[in-house]
Amino acid sequence: MTKAEFVDQVADRSGIGKGEAAKVVDGVLDTIKEVLSRGGEINFTGFGKFAVAERGARQGVNPQTGERIQIAASRVPRFSAGSSLKTAVKGG
């Protein structure tokens, strides 16, 4: 599903126009990005949790040359699915 298809579904289910639904979707995504960039976390009970994890520096291998390289430490976004989302996906 693309973002445009997602916006269409939000508009249909909420009874608002597509333009307004696009603003809402963009607002939600921007808020999630902002909170995670500050190192915070967002928890939607039953749906899941967005958080930031620290990845340590590590050794890697360049697949083209086989040369060992050092991969720097970084912060990455993580999502953990909640129980009702897991149940919905399992049930099909």
N, C-alpha and C. Protein backbone atom coordinates (compact mmCIF):
# COMPACT_ATOMS: atom_id res chain seq x y z
N MET A 1 0.85 -1.17 0.00
CA MET A 1 0.00 0.00 0.00
C MET A 1 0.89 1.24 0.00
N THR A 2 0.58 2.17 -0.88
CA THR A 2 1.34 3.41 -0.94
C THR A 2 0.74 4.43 0.02
N LYS A 3 1.46 5.52 0.21
CA LYS A 3 0.97 6.58 1.09
C LYS A 3 -0.34 7.15 0.55
N ALA A 4 -0.44 7.32 -0.77
CA ALA A 4 -1.66 7.86 -1.37
C ALA A 4 -2.84 6.92 -1.12
N GLU A 5 -2.63 5.62 -1.24
CA GLU A 5 -3.70 4.65 -0.97
C GLU A 5 -4.08 4.69 0.51
N PHE A 6 -3.10 4.86 1.36
CA PHE A 6 -3.35 4.94 2.79
C PHE A 6 -4.20 6.18 3.10
N VAL A 7 -3.84 7.32 2.51
CA VAL A 7 -4.61 8.55 2.71
C VAL A 7 -6.05 8.36 2.24
N ASP A 8 -6.24 7.69 1.10
CA ASP A 8 -7.59 7.42 0.60
C ASP A 8 -8.40 6.61 1.60
N GLN A 9 -7.78 5.59 2.18
CA GLN A 9 -8.48 4.74 3.16
C GLN A 9 -8.83 5.53 4.42
N VAL A 10 -7.90 6.39 4.88
CA VAL A 10 -8.17 7.22 6.06
C VAL A 10 -9.34 8.15 5.77
N ALA A 11 -9.35 8.75 4.59
CA ALA A 11 -10.44 9.66 4.21
C ALA A 11 -11.77 8.91 4.18
N ASP A 12 -11.79 7.74 3.59
CA ASP A 12 -13.03 6.96 3.50
C ASP A 12 -13.55 6.54 4.87
N ARG A 13 -12.65 6.08 5.73
CA ARG A 13 -13.07 5.57 7.05
C ARG A 13 -13.45 6.68 8.01
N SER A 14 -12.86 7.87 7.86
CA SER A 14 -13.14 8.95 8.80
C SER A 14 -14.19 9.93 8.30
N GLY A 15 -14.54 9.84 7.01
CA GLY A 15 -15.56 10.73 6.47
C GLY A 15 -15.08 12.14 6.22
N ILE A 16 -13.77 12.33 6.07
CA ILE A 16 -13.23 13.65 5.76
C ILE A 16 -12.68 13.63 4.33
N GLY A 17 -12.37 14.80 3.81
CA GLY A 17 -11.84 14.89 2.46
C GLY A 17 -10.43 14.36 2.37
N LYS A 18 -10.00 14.05 1.15
CA LYS A 18 -8.66 13.50 0.94
C LYS A 18 -7.57 14.50 1.31
N GLY A 19 -7.80 15.78 1.03
CA GLY A 19 -6.81 16.80 1.38
C GLY A 19 -6.61 16.89 2.87
N GLU A 20 -7.71 16.86 3.61
CA GLU A 20 -7.64 16.91 5.07
C GLU A 20 -7.00 15.64 5.62
N ALA A 21 -7.34 14.49 5.05
CA ALA A 21 -6.75 13.23 5.48
C ALA A 21 -5.24 13.23 5.23
N ALA A 22 -4.80 13.80 4.12
CA ALA A 22 -3.37 13.89 3.82
C ALA A 22 -2.66 14.73 4.87
N LYS A 23 -3.29 15.84 5.29
CA LYS A 23 -2.71 16.69 6.34
C LYS A 23 -2.59 15.91 7.66
N VAL A 24 -3.61 15.15 7.97
CA VAL A 24 -3.61 14.37 9.21
C VAL A 24 -2.51 13.32 9.18
N VAL A 25 -2.41 12.57 8.08
CA VAL A 25 -1.39 11.53 7.95
C VAL A 25 0.00 12.16 8.03
N ASP A 26 0.21 13.27 7.31
CA ASP A 26 1.51 13.95 7.36
C ASP A 26 1.82 14.43 8.78
N GLY A 27 0.81 14.94 9.47
CA GLY A 27 1.00 15.40 10.85
C GLY A 27 1.41 14.28 11.78
N VAL A 28 0.77 13.13 11.63
CA VAL A 28 1.11 11.97 12.47
C VAL A 28 2.55 11.52 12.20
N LEU A 29 2.89 11.40 10.91
CA LEU A 29 4.24 10.94 10.56
C LEU A 29 5.31 11.94 11.01
N ASP A 30 5.04 13.24 10.85
CA ASP A 30 6.00 14.26 11.29
C ASP A 30 6.19 14.23 12.80
N THR A 31 5.09 14.01 13.53
CA THR A 31 5.18 13.94 14.99
C THR A 31 6.01 12.74 15.42
N ILE A 32 5.79 11.59 14.79
CA ILE A 32 6.58 10.40 15.12
C ILE A 32 8.06 10.66 14.85
N LYS A 33 8.38 11.25 13.69
CA LYS A 33 9.77 11.56 13.36
C LYS A 33 10.39 12.50 14.39
N GLU A 34 9.65 13.54 14.77
CA GLU A 34 10.17 14.53 15.72
C GLU A 34 10.46 13.91 17.08
N VAL A 35 9.52 13.12 17.58
CA VAL A 35 9.70 12.49 18.90
C VAL A 35 10.90 11.53 18.87
N LEU A 36 11.01 10.72 17.82
CA LEU A 36 12.12 9.77 17.73
C LEU A 36 13.46 10.49 17.55
N SER A 37 13.48 11.61 16.82
CA SER A 37 14.74 12.33 16.62
C SER A 37 15.24 12.91 17.94
N ARG A 38 14.34 13.18 18.88
CA ARG A 38 14.74 13.66 20.21
C ARG A 38 15.11 12.51 21.15
N GLY A 39 14.95 11.27 20.68
CA GLY A 39 15.28 10.12 21.51
C GLY A 39 14.12 9.60 22.33
N GLY A 40 12.91 10.12 22.10
CA GLY A 40 11.74 9.69 22.85
C GLY A 40 11.14 8.42 22.27
N GLU A 41 10.01 8.03 22.84
CA GLU A 41 9.29 6.87 22.32
C GLU A 41 7.80 7.16 22.32
N ILE A 42 7.08 6.45 21.46
CA ILE A 42 5.63 6.61 21.34
C ILE A 42 5.01 5.23 21.51
N ASN A 43 4.02 5.15 22.40
CA ASN A 43 3.39 3.88 22.69
C ASN A 43 1.89 3.98 22.42
N PHE A 44 1.40 3.20 21.46
CA PHE A 44 -0.02 3.08 21.18
C PHE A 44 -0.45 1.74 21.77
N THR A 45 -1.11 1.76 22.91
CA THR A 45 -1.49 0.55 23.62
C THR A 45 -2.23 -0.40 22.70
N GLY A 46 -1.75 -1.64 22.63
CA GLY A 46 -2.36 -2.67 21.80
C GLY A 46 -1.83 -2.68 20.38
N PHE A 47 -1.43 -1.51 19.85
CA PHE A 47 -0.93 -1.44 18.48
C PHE A 47 0.57 -1.66 18.42
N GLY A 48 1.33 -0.88 19.20
CA GLY A 48 2.77 -1.06 19.19
C GLY A 48 3.50 0.14 19.75
N LYS A 49 4.83 0.03 19.75
CA LYS A 49 5.68 1.07 20.32
C LYS A 49 6.78 1.43 19.34
N PHE A 50 6.95 2.73 19.10
CA PHE A 50 8.06 3.26 18.32
C PHE A 50 9.12 3.74 19.31
N ALA A 51 10.37 3.35 19.11
CA ALA A 51 11.44 3.76 20.01
C ALA A 51 12.74 3.90 19.22
N VAL A 52 13.75 4.43 19.88
CA VAL A 52 15.07 4.59 19.28
C VAL A 52 16.03 3.62 19.96
N ALA A 53 16.83 2.92 19.17
CA ALA A 53 17.82 1.98 19.71
C ALA A 53 19.21 2.43 19.28
N GLU A 54 20.17 2.14 20.11
CA GLU A 54 21.57 2.43 19.80
C GLU A 54 22.22 1.20 19.20
N ARG A 55 22.86 1.36 18.05
CA ARG A 55 23.63 0.27 17.45
C ARG A 55 25.10 0.58 17.66
N GLY A 56 25.82 -0.34 18.22
CA GLY A 56 27.23 -0.12 18.48
C GLY A 56 28.06 -0.22 17.21
N ALA A 57 29.29 0.31 17.30
CA ALA A 57 30.22 0.19 16.18
C ALA A 57 30.56 -1.29 15.99
N ARG A 58 30.82 -1.67 14.74
CA ARG A 58 31.11 -3.08 14.48
C ARG A 58 31.94 -3.22 13.21
N GLN A 59 32.49 -4.41 13.04
CA GLN A 59 33.25 -4.73 11.84
C GLN A 59 32.30 -5.22 10.76
N GLY A 60 32.57 -4.83 9.53
CA GLY A 60 31.79 -5.30 8.40
C GLY A 60 32.73 -5.72 7.29
N VAL A 61 32.18 -6.27 6.22
CA VAL A 61 32.97 -6.69 5.07
C VAL A 61 32.35 -6.10 3.81
N ASN A 62 33.18 -5.45 3.00
CA ASN A 62 32.72 -4.94 1.71
C ASN A 62 32.49 -6.15 0.82
N PRO A 63 31.25 -6.39 0.36
CA PRO A 63 30.97 -7.60 -0.41
C PRO A 63 31.65 -7.64 -1.78
N GLN A 64 31.99 -6.48 -2.33
CA GLN A 64 32.64 -6.46 -3.64
C GLN A 64 34.13 -6.79 -3.56
N THR A 65 34.78 -6.28 -2.50
CA THR A 65 36.24 -6.46 -2.41
C THR A 65 36.67 -7.45 -1.35
N GLY A 66 35.77 -7.74 -0.40
CA GLY A 66 36.14 -8.61 0.70
C GLY A 66 36.92 -7.88 1.78
N GLU A 67 37.13 -6.59 1.60
CA GLU A 67 37.91 -5.78 2.55
C GLU A 67 37.11 -5.55 3.82
N ARG A 68 37.77 -5.65 4.98
CA ARG A 68 37.11 -5.37 6.26
C ARG A 68 36.98 -3.87 6.43
N ILE A 69 35.80 -3.45 6.90
CA ILE A 69 35.57 -2.03 7.15
C ILE A 69 34.97 -1.85 8.54
N GLN A 70 35.14 -0.65 9.09
CA GLN A 70 34.56 -0.32 10.39
C GLN A 70 33.24 0.40 10.16
N ILE A 71 32.17 -0.10 10.76
CA ILE A 71 30.86 0.53 10.65
C ILE A 71 30.63 1.32 11.93
N ALA A 72 30.34 2.61 11.78
CA ALA A 72 30.20 3.50 12.93
C ALA A 72 28.94 3.19 13.73
N ALA A 73 28.95 3.57 15.00
CA ALA A 73 27.77 3.45 15.85
C ALA A 73 26.68 4.38 15.32
N SER A 74 25.42 4.01 15.53
CA SER A 74 24.32 4.85 15.05
C SER A 74 23.08 4.63 15.90
N ARG A 75 22.13 5.55 15.72
CA ARG A 75 20.81 5.43 16.36
C ARG A 75 19.83 5.03 15.26
N VAL A 76 18.98 4.05 15.55
CA VAL A 76 18.02 3.56 14.54
C VAL A 76 16.62 3.48 15.15
N PRO A 77 15.59 3.72 14.34
CA PRO A 77 14.23 3.58 14.84
C PRO A 77 13.84 2.11 14.93
N ARG A 78 13.04 1.79 15.93
CA ARG A 78 12.55 0.42 16.12
C ARG A 78 11.05 0.47 16.35
N PHE A 79 10.38 -0.59 15.91
CA PHE A 79 8.95 -0.73 16.16
C PHE A 79 8.70 -2.10 16.74
N SER A 80 7.99 -2.16 17.85
CA SER A 80 7.59 -3.42 18.46
C SER A 80 6.07 -3.51 18.38
N ALA A 81 5.58 -4.55 17.75
CA ALA A 81 4.13 -4.72 17.58
C ALA A 81 3.47 -5.07 18.90
N GLY A 82 2.28 -4.51 19.12
CA GLY A 82 1.50 -4.79 20.31
C GLY A 82 0.66 -6.05 20.13
N SER A 83 0.02 -6.48 21.21
CA SER A 83 -0.70 -7.75 21.21
C SER A 83 -1.88 -7.77 20.25
N SER A 84 -2.68 -6.69 20.19
CA SER A 84 -3.85 -6.72 19.30
C SER A 84 -3.42 -6.67 17.83
N LEU A 85 -2.32 -6.00 17.51
CA LEU A 85 -1.81 -6.00 16.13
C LEU A 85 -1.30 -7.39 15.75
N LYS A 86 -0.59 -8.03 16.66
CA LYS A 86 -0.09 -9.39 16.40
C LYS A 86 -1.25 -10.34 16.16
N THR A 87 -2.30 -10.22 16.99
CA THR A 87 -3.47 -11.07 16.86
C THR A 87 -4.18 -10.84 15.52
N ALA A 88 -4.31 -9.59 15.12
CA ALA A 88 -4.98 -9.26 13.86
C ALA A 88 -4.20 -9.81 12.66
N VAL A 89 -2.88 -9.72 12.71
CA VAL A 89 -2.06 -10.23 11.61
C VAL A 89 -2.10 -11.74 11.57
N LYS A 90 -2.06 -12.37 12.73
CA LYS A 90 -2.09 -13.83 12.80
C LYS A 90 -3.40 -14.38 12.27
N GLY A 91 -4.50 -13.69 12.57
CA GLY A 91 -5.81 -14.16 12.16
C GLY A 91 -6.08 -13.98 10.67
N GLY A 92 -5.26 -13.14 10.01
CA GLY A 92 -5.44 -12.95 8.57
C GLY A 92 -6.47 -11.95 8.31
